[in-house]
Amino acid sequence: MKAVYIENNHEEKLHTEDDLCLFRAPRRMPEGHKCPTGKDLFVHKTRTGKEVFYLINWFMKPSKREEIVQITPRMAERFLEERGIFCNTTSPEDQKASQTMLQYGWGMLEEF
């Protein structure tokens, strides 16, 4: 799916095939039935380095049309947290600390 994002009179193309998918909703339920609707989360990096987060609202019914909705970084963070995925998209200091901890082995699953 494609859309256009305008930043300072400059067009940026949002494209689900080129942008990073952070969350893809399941298309099938555990029982094997198709999910009637879902939301996928993507991030697009602009030429200036800004991250643009957007949701794709999709529907299995052919009569309904997919929608692209731009959201804030905090909304993207909440969207992921609601699905059990925790990350910090807003603070570079926290991201650096998280990366340092991962380098030393924190965050890995361990058995006690």
N, C-alpha and C. Protein backbone atom coordinates (compact mmCIF):
# COMPACT_ATOMS: atom_id res chain seq x y z
N MET A 1 0.85 -1.17 0.00
CA MET A 1 0.00 0.00 0.00
C MET A 1 0.90 1.23 0.00
N LYS A 2 0.48 2.26 -0.69
CA LYS A 2 1.27 3.48 -0.82
C LYS A 2 0.46 4.69 -0.36
N ALA A 3 1.19 5.71 0.11
CA ALA A 3 0.58 7.00 0.47
C ALA A 3 1.68 8.05 0.38
N VAL A 4 1.29 9.31 0.46
CA VAL A 4 2.24 10.41 0.39
C VAL A 4 2.21 11.17 1.72
N TYR A 5 3.39 11.46 2.24
CA TYR A 5 3.56 12.24 3.47
C TYR A 5 4.27 13.52 3.07
N ILE A 6 3.75 14.68 3.48
CA ILE A 6 4.36 15.96 3.11
C ILE A 6 5.00 16.58 4.34
N GLU A 7 6.31 16.89 4.21
CA GLU A 7 7.07 17.51 5.30
C GLU A 7 7.81 18.72 4.72
N ASN A 8 7.48 19.90 5.24
CA ASN A 8 8.11 21.15 4.78
C ASN A 8 8.05 21.28 3.25
N ASN A 9 6.85 21.09 2.69
CA ASN A 9 6.60 21.18 1.25
C ASN A 9 7.39 20.17 0.44
N HIS A 10 7.86 19.10 1.08
CA HIS A 10 8.58 18.03 0.39
C HIS A 10 7.79 16.73 0.55
N GLU A 11 7.54 16.06 -0.55
CA GLU A 11 6.77 14.82 -0.51
C GLU A 11 7.66 13.63 -0.18
N GLU A 12 7.17 12.79 0.70
CA GLU A 12 7.81 11.53 1.04
C GLU A 12 6.80 10.43 0.71
N LYS A 13 7.26 9.37 0.09
CA LYS A 13 6.38 8.25 -0.25
C LYS A 13 6.41 7.21 0.85
N LEU A 14 5.26 6.94 1.45
CA LEU A 14 5.10 5.86 2.40
C LEU A 14 4.72 4.63 1.59
N HIS A 15 5.45 3.56 1.75
CA HIS A 15 5.19 2.35 0.99
C HIS A 15 5.48 1.15 1.87
N THR A 16 4.48 0.31 2.04
CA THR A 16 4.62 -0.83 2.95
C THR A 16 5.70 -1.82 2.50
N GLU A 17 6.04 -1.84 1.23
CA GLU A 17 7.08 -2.76 0.76
C GLU A 17 8.48 -2.21 1.05
N ASP A 18 8.62 -0.91 1.20
CA ASP A 18 9.93 -0.29 1.43
C ASP A 18 10.17 0.05 2.89
N ASP A 19 9.12 0.31 3.64
CA ASP A 19 9.25 0.75 5.03
C ASP A 19 9.34 -0.45 5.98
N LEU A 20 9.87 -0.19 7.16
CA LEU A 20 10.06 -1.23 8.16
C LEU A 20 8.75 -1.55 8.86
N CYS A 21 8.36 -2.82 8.86
CA CYS A 21 7.15 -3.26 9.56
C CYS A 21 7.53 -3.59 10.99
N LEU A 22 6.95 -2.87 11.96
CA LEU A 22 7.22 -3.11 13.37
C LEU A 22 6.26 -4.13 13.97
N PHE A 23 5.06 -4.23 13.42
CA PHE A 23 4.09 -5.19 13.91
C PHE A 23 3.15 -5.56 12.77
N ARG A 24 2.96 -6.86 12.58
CA ARG A 24 2.01 -7.34 11.58
C ARG A 24 0.97 -8.19 12.29
N ALA A 25 -0.28 -7.80 12.17
CA ALA A 25 -1.38 -8.52 12.82
C ALA A 25 -1.54 -9.90 12.18
N PRO A 26 -1.90 -10.89 12.98
CA PRO A 26 -2.11 -12.23 12.41
C PRO A 26 -3.29 -12.22 11.43
N ARG A 27 -3.14 -12.99 10.38
CA ARG A 27 -4.20 -13.09 9.37
C ARG A 27 -5.15 -14.23 9.68
N ARG A 28 -4.71 -15.16 10.54
CA ARG A 28 -5.54 -16.31 10.91
C ARG A 28 -5.57 -16.46 12.42
N MET A 29 -6.70 -16.90 12.94
CA MET A 29 -6.85 -17.19 14.37
C MET A 29 -6.27 -18.57 14.64
N PRO A 30 -5.99 -18.88 15.91
CA PRO A 30 -5.45 -20.21 16.23
C PRO A 30 -6.34 -21.36 15.73
N GLU A 31 -7.64 -21.14 15.65
CA GLU A 31 -8.56 -22.19 15.18
C GLU A 31 -8.51 -22.36 13.67
N GLY A 32 -7.77 -21.50 12.98
CA GLY A 32 -7.67 -21.59 11.53
C GLY A 32 -8.59 -20.65 10.77
N HIS A 33 -9.48 -19.96 11.47
CA HIS A 33 -10.38 -19.01 10.82
C HIS A 33 -9.62 -17.74 10.47
N LYS A 34 -10.04 -17.08 9.40
CA LYS A 34 -9.42 -15.82 9.01
C LYS A 34 -9.83 -14.70 9.96
N CYS A 35 -8.89 -13.82 10.29
CA CYS A 35 -9.21 -12.64 11.10
C CYS A 35 -9.93 -11.64 10.19
N PRO A 36 -11.05 -11.09 10.63
CA PRO A 36 -11.81 -10.19 9.77
C PRO A 36 -11.14 -8.83 9.56
N THR A 37 -10.32 -8.40 10.53
CA THR A 37 -9.69 -7.08 10.44
C THR A 37 -8.41 -7.08 11.27
N GLY A 38 -7.55 -6.10 11.04
CA GLY A 38 -6.33 -6.01 11.81
C GLY A 38 -5.60 -4.70 11.54
N LYS A 39 -4.53 -4.49 12.31
CA LYS A 39 -3.71 -3.28 12.15
C LYS A 39 -2.25 -3.68 12.10
N ASP A 40 -1.53 -3.14 11.12
CA ASP A 40 -0.10 -3.34 10.99
C ASP A 40 0.58 -2.00 11.23
N LEU A 41 1.72 -2.02 11.92
CA LEU A 41 2.46 -0.80 12.24
C LEU A 41 3.74 -0.73 11.43
N PHE A 42 3.97 0.40 10.78
CA PHE A 42 5.16 0.63 9.97
C PHE A 42 5.85 1.92 10.40
N VAL A 43 7.15 2.01 10.08
CA VAL A 43 7.90 3.25 10.29
C VAL A 43 8.63 3.58 8.99
N HIS A 44 8.57 4.85 8.63
CA HIS A 44 9.25 5.36 7.43
C HIS A 44 10.27 6.40 7.88
N LYS A 45 11.49 6.29 7.40
CA LYS A 45 12.52 7.27 7.72
C LYS A 45 12.62 8.25 6.55
N THR A 46 12.40 9.55 6.84
CA THR A 46 12.44 10.58 5.80
C THR A 46 13.88 10.91 5.44
N ARG A 47 14.04 11.69 4.41
CA ARG A 47 15.39 12.10 3.98
C ARG A 47 16.10 12.92 5.05
N THR A 48 15.33 13.61 5.89
CA THR A 48 15.92 14.42 6.96
C THR A 48 16.21 13.59 8.21
N GLY A 49 15.86 12.29 8.17
CA GLY A 49 16.12 11.42 9.31
C GLY A 49 14.97 11.28 10.28
N LYS A 50 13.87 11.98 10.03
CA LYS A 50 12.71 11.90 10.92
C LYS A 50 11.99 10.57 10.69
N GLU A 51 11.49 9.98 11.77
CA GLU A 51 10.72 8.74 11.67
C GLU A 51 9.23 9.06 11.63
N VAL A 52 8.55 8.51 10.66
CA VAL A 52 7.11 8.68 10.50
C VAL A 52 6.46 7.32 10.76
N PHE A 53 5.64 7.24 11.79
CA PHE A 53 4.95 6.01 12.15
C PHE A 53 3.55 6.04 11.56
N TYR A 54 3.12 4.90 11.02
CA TYR A 54 1.77 4.83 10.50
C TYR A 54 1.20 3.42 10.63
N LEU A 55 -0.13 3.37 10.76
CA LEU A 55 -0.87 2.12 10.86
C LEU A 55 -1.59 1.86 9.55
N ILE A 56 -1.66 0.59 9.19
CA ILE A 56 -2.50 0.16 8.08
C ILE A 56 -3.66 -0.60 8.72
N ASN A 57 -4.86 -0.08 8.58
CA ASN A 57 -6.07 -0.78 9.02
C ASN A 57 -6.55 -1.61 7.83
N TRP A 58 -6.49 -2.92 7.96
CA TRP A 58 -6.89 -3.79 6.85
C TRP A 58 -8.12 -4.60 7.21
N PHE A 59 -8.82 -5.02 6.15
CA PHE A 59 -10.07 -5.76 6.29
C PHE A 59 -10.05 -6.93 5.31
N MET A 60 -10.59 -8.06 5.72
CA MET A 60 -10.67 -9.23 4.83
C MET A 60 -11.80 -9.09 3.80
N LYS A 61 -12.80 -8.28 4.11
CA LYS A 61 -13.90 -8.10 3.17
C LYS A 61 -13.41 -7.24 2.00
N PRO A 62 -13.61 -7.72 0.77
CA PRO A 62 -13.17 -6.93 -0.39
C PRO A 62 -13.92 -5.61 -0.54
N SER A 63 -15.11 -5.52 0.06
CA SER A 63 -15.90 -4.30 -0.06
C SER A 63 -15.32 -3.16 0.79
N LYS A 64 -14.49 -3.49 1.80
CA LYS A 64 -13.89 -2.46 2.64
C LYS A 64 -12.49 -2.15 2.13
N ARG A 65 -12.11 -0.89 2.23
CA ARG A 65 -10.83 -0.43 1.71
C ARG A 65 -9.83 -0.22 2.86
N GLU A 66 -8.57 -0.60 2.64
CA GLU A 66 -7.54 -0.39 3.65
C GLU A 66 -7.33 1.10 3.89
N GLU A 67 -6.91 1.44 5.12
CA GLU A 67 -6.69 2.84 5.48
C GLU A 67 -5.27 2.99 6.03
N ILE A 68 -4.63 4.11 5.72
CA ILE A 68 -3.34 4.45 6.32
C ILE A 68 -3.59 5.61 7.27
N VAL A 69 -3.10 5.46 8.52
CA VAL A 69 -3.28 6.49 9.53
C VAL A 69 -1.92 6.81 10.14
N GLN A 70 -1.49 8.07 10.01
CA GLN A 70 -0.23 8.48 10.62
C GLN A 70 -0.44 8.66 12.12
N ILE A 71 0.53 8.17 12.93
CA ILE A 71 0.43 8.29 14.38
C ILE A 71 1.74 8.85 14.93
N THR A 72 1.68 9.33 16.16
CA THR A 72 2.86 9.89 16.82
C THR A 72 3.76 8.75 17.32
N PRO A 73 5.03 9.04 17.60
CA PRO A 73 5.91 8.02 18.17
C PRO A 73 5.35 7.44 19.48
N ARG A 74 4.76 8.27 20.32
CA ARG A 74 4.20 7.78 21.59
C ARG A 74 3.02 6.84 21.33
N MET A 75 2.19 7.16 20.35
CA MET A 75 1.08 6.28 20.01
C MET A 75 1.59 4.94 19.49
N ALA A 76 2.68 4.96 18.71
CA ALA A 76 3.28 3.72 18.21
C ALA A 76 3.81 2.89 19.36
N GLU A 77 4.42 3.56 20.33
CA GLU A 77 4.95 2.88 21.50
C GLU A 77 3.81 2.21 22.28
N ARG A 78 2.71 2.92 22.48
CA ARG A 78 1.55 2.36 23.19
C ARG A 78 0.93 1.19 22.42
N PHE A 79 0.86 1.33 21.10
CA PHE A 79 0.32 0.27 20.26
C PHE A 79 1.12 -1.02 20.47
N LEU A 80 2.44 -0.90 20.49
CA LEU A 80 3.29 -2.08 20.69
C LEU A 80 3.17 -2.62 22.12
N GLU A 81 3.12 -1.72 23.11
CA GLU A 81 3.00 -2.15 24.51
C GLU A 81 1.71 -2.93 24.73
N GLU A 82 0.62 -2.52 24.09
CA GLU A 82 -0.65 -3.22 24.21
C GLU A 82 -0.55 -4.66 23.70
N ARG A 83 0.41 -4.90 22.82
CA ARG A 83 0.60 -6.22 22.24
C ARG A 83 1.78 -6.96 22.88
N GLY A 84 2.27 -6.42 24.01
CA GLY A 84 3.33 -7.09 24.76
C GLY A 84 4.73 -6.84 24.25
N ILE A 85 4.91 -5.82 23.41
CA ILE A 85 6.23 -5.48 22.88
C ILE A 85 6.63 -4.15 23.48
N PHE A 86 7.71 -4.14 24.24
CA PHE A 86 8.12 -2.93 24.94
C PHE A 86 9.39 -2.37 24.32
N CYS A 87 9.34 -1.11 23.96
CA CYS A 87 10.51 -0.41 23.41
C CYS A 87 10.32 1.07 23.68
N ASN A 88 11.37 1.83 23.51
CA ASN A 88 11.28 3.27 23.70
C ASN A 88 11.63 3.93 22.38
N THR A 89 10.64 4.57 21.77
CA THR A 89 10.86 5.19 20.47
C THR A 89 11.12 6.69 20.59
N THR A 90 11.05 7.24 21.79
CA THR A 90 11.10 8.70 21.90
C THR A 90 12.39 9.25 22.49
N SER A 91 13.10 8.50 23.29
CA SER A 91 14.26 9.05 23.98
C SER A 91 15.57 8.43 23.47
N PRO A 92 16.42 9.21 22.81
CA PRO A 92 17.70 8.68 22.35
C PRO A 92 18.58 8.19 23.50
N GLU A 93 18.49 8.84 24.66
CA GLU A 93 19.30 8.41 25.80
C GLU A 93 18.88 7.02 26.26
N ASP A 94 17.56 6.78 26.32
CA ASP A 94 17.06 5.47 26.72
C ASP A 94 17.42 4.41 25.70
N GLN A 95 17.37 4.76 24.42
CA GLN A 95 17.73 3.81 23.38
C GLN A 95 19.20 3.43 23.50
N LYS A 96 20.07 4.40 23.77
CA LYS A 96 21.49 4.13 23.92
C LYS A 96 21.74 3.23 25.14
N ALA A 97 21.05 3.52 26.23
CA ALA A 97 21.21 2.69 27.43
C ALA A 97 20.72 1.27 27.17
N SER A 98 19.62 1.14 26.46
CA SER A 98 19.08 -0.18 26.14
C SER A 98 20.04 -0.97 25.26
N GLN A 99 20.64 -0.31 24.27
CA GLN A 99 21.60 -0.97 23.39
C GLN A 99 22.83 -1.43 24.18
N THR A 100 23.31 -0.59 25.10
CA THR A 100 24.46 -0.95 25.92
C THR A 100 24.16 -2.17 26.77
N MET A 101 22.96 -2.19 27.38
CA MET A 101 22.58 -3.32 28.21
C MET A 101 22.48 -4.60 27.38
N LEU A 102 21.94 -4.49 26.15
CA LEU A 102 21.84 -5.67 25.29
C LEU A 102 23.23 -6.20 24.92
N GLN A 103 24.20 -5.30 24.74
CA GLN A 103 25.56 -5.73 24.41
C GLN A 103 26.18 -6.54 25.54
N TYR A 104 25.79 -6.24 26.78
CA TYR A 104 26.32 -6.96 27.94
C TYR A 104 25.46 -8.17 28.31
N GLY A 105 24.47 -8.49 27.48
CA GLY A 105 23.69 -9.69 27.72
C GLY A 105 22.36 -9.50 28.39
N TRP A 106 22.05 -8.29 28.84
CA TRP A 106 20.75 -8.05 29.47
C TRP A 106 19.67 -8.15 28.39
N GLY A 107 18.53 -8.65 28.78
CA GLY A 107 17.42 -8.76 27.83
C GLY A 107 17.33 -10.14 27.21
N MET A 108 18.35 -10.97 27.41
CA MET A 108 18.31 -12.32 26.88
C MET A 108 17.51 -13.20 27.85
N LEU A 109 16.80 -14.17 27.30
CA LEU A 109 16.08 -15.09 28.17
C LEU A 109 17.06 -16.02 28.86
N GLU A 110 16.91 -16.18 30.13
CA GLU A 110 17.79 -17.05 30.90
C GLU A 110 16.95 -17.99 31.75
N GLU A 111 17.49 -19.17 31.96
CA GLU A 111 16.83 -20.14 32.84
C GLU A 111 17.51 -20.11 34.19
N PHE A 112 16.73 -20.15 35.25
CA PHE A 112 17.29 -20.17 36.61
C PHE A 112 17.07 -21.51 37.24
